[in-house]
Amino acid sequence: MPETKLEPRTPRAEPAPQQPKSHGLALKDRRHLAVTGVSRVISCDENTAVLETPLGNLTIGGQELQIGELSTQSGQVQLSGKIEYLQYAENQQSGGGLLARLFR
């Protein structure tokens, strides 16, 4: 049997608790919208875009909406089109495991 050399284990660093990202909106002339702090794009078509942010899901409604720039690293999204409304909804967080969902 070949000899196996064991190396000492180094303790793993605990991940730092994540602080919520900052989130901001900049709307210019109802035609250009810059959004920061976006964690993901849930859906997007020419009339509606839904973005997940730290403050809840942001729904952007309008006409001829297009995502001009999307950076998943920095969480920045640029939209253009005729923007008619912005609406927030609370993010739906998982309520735990299967048992927690069964006994609600």
Protein backbone atom coordinates (compact mmCIF):
# COMPACT_ATOMS: atom_id res chain seq x y z
CA MET A 1 0.00 0.00 0.00
CA PRO A 2 1.56 3.36 -0.95
CA GLU A 3 2.29 5.78 1.84
CA THR A 4 -0.08 8.73 2.04
CA LYS A 5 1.23 12.01 3.33
CA LEU A 6 -1.27 14.05 5.31
CA GLU A 7 -0.92 17.80 5.38
CA PRO A 8 -2.13 19.83 8.35
CA ARG A 9 -5.56 21.33 7.86
CA THR A 10 -5.87 25.05 7.95
CA PRO A 11 -9.09 26.43 9.36
CA ARG A 12 -11.44 27.87 6.80
CA ALA A 13 -12.18 31.54 7.05
CA GLU A 14 -15.80 32.23 7.85
CA PRO A 15 -17.49 34.21 5.11
CA ALA A 16 -18.09 37.80 6.09
CA PRO A 17 -21.75 38.58 6.66
CA GLN A 18 -23.08 40.23 3.54
CA GLN A 19 -24.34 43.72 3.94
CA PRO A 20 -27.28 44.71 1.79
CA LYS A 21 -26.22 46.37 -1.44
CA SER A 22 -27.12 49.97 -1.86
CA HIS A 23 -29.83 50.61 -4.40
CA GLY A 24 -30.60 53.67 -6.46
CA LEU A 25 -32.63 54.95 -9.38
CA ALA A 26 -31.87 57.78 -11.79
CA LEU A 27 -34.59 58.66 -14.28
CA LYS A 28 -33.95 61.19 -17.04
CA ASP A 29 -36.79 62.59 -19.17
CA ARG A 30 -38.85 59.42 -18.62
CA ARG A 31 -36.75 57.88 -21.40
CA HIS A 32 -33.58 56.66 -19.64
CA LEU A 33 -33.43 54.81 -16.32
CA ALA A 34 -30.27 53.77 -14.49
CA VAL A 35 -30.74 51.28 -11.64
CA THR A 36 -28.01 50.21 -9.22
CA GLY A 37 -28.01 47.36 -6.71
CA VAL A 38 -29.74 44.87 -9.02
CA SER A 39 -29.09 41.26 -8.06
CA ARG A 40 -30.84 39.76 -11.11
CA VAL A 41 -33.20 40.48 -13.97
CA ILE A 42 -36.29 38.35 -13.40
CA SER A 43 -37.98 39.15 -16.71
CA CYS A 44 -37.97 41.75 -19.44
CA ASP A 45 -40.03 42.43 -22.55
CA GLU A 46 -40.98 45.58 -24.45
CA ASN A 47 -43.68 46.57 -21.91
CA THR A 48 -42.38 45.38 -18.53
CA ALA A 49 -39.07 44.70 -16.79
CA VAL A 50 -38.85 43.06 -13.36
CA LEU A 51 -35.58 43.47 -11.44
CA GLU A 52 -34.64 41.96 -8.08
CA THR A 53 -33.18 44.57 -5.72
CA PRO A 54 -32.35 44.64 -2.00
CA LEU A 55 -35.53 46.67 -1.38
CA GLY A 56 -37.85 44.28 -3.21
CA ASN A 57 -38.70 43.37 -6.78
CA LEU A 58 -38.85 46.48 -8.96
CA THR A 59 -41.34 46.42 -11.83
CA ILE A 60 -40.80 48.97 -14.56
CA GLY A 61 -43.69 49.46 -16.96
CA GLY A 62 -43.78 51.34 -20.21
CA GLN A 63 -43.49 51.04 -23.95
CA GLU A 64 -40.59 49.96 -26.15
CA LEU A 65 -38.43 49.11 -23.11
CA GLN A 66 -34.94 47.87 -23.83
CA ILE A 67 -32.04 46.97 -21.58
CA GLY A 68 -29.11 48.92 -22.96
CA GLU A 69 -26.52 47.86 -20.41
CA LEU A 70 -26.44 45.10 -17.82
CA SER A 71 -23.56 44.47 -15.44
CA THR A 72 -24.06 41.50 -13.15
CA GLN A 73 -20.74 42.25 -11.40
CA SER A 74 -21.70 45.77 -10.30
CA GLY A 75 -25.48 45.32 -10.29
CA GLN A 76 -26.12 48.17 -12.72
CA VAL A 77 -28.88 48.15 -15.33
CA GLN A 78 -29.61 50.82 -17.94
CA LEU A 79 -33.06 50.86 -19.54
CA SER A 80 -34.48 53.04 -22.28
CA GLY A 81 -37.97 53.50 -23.70
CA LYS A 82 -41.10 55.33 -22.58
CA ILE A 83 -41.19 54.69 -18.82
CA GLU A 84 -44.70 54.93 -17.40
CA TYR A 85 -44.38 53.53 -13.87
CA LEU A 86 -42.06 52.07 -11.25
CA GLN A 87 -43.45 49.72 -8.60
CA TYR A 88 -41.84 47.80 -5.74
CA ALA A 89 -43.05 44.49 -4.32
CA GLU A 90 -41.51 42.69 -1.36
CA ASN A 91 -39.15 39.83 -2.25
CA GLN A 92 -40.63 36.43 -1.45
CA GLN A 93 -38.11 34.80 0.89
CA SER A 94 -38.07 31.07 1.41
CA GLY A 95 -39.77 30.19 4.66
CA GLY A 96 -37.32 27.44 5.51
CA GLY A 97 -37.38 23.75 4.76
CA LEU A 98 -40.19 21.50 3.72
CA LEU A 99 -41.54 21.10 7.26
CA ALA A 100 -41.69 24.86 7.82
CA ARG A 101 -43.72 25.26 4.64
CA LEU A 102 -46.05 22.40 5.57
CA PHE A 103 -46.89 23.76 9.02
CA ARG A 104 -47.67 27.38 8.11
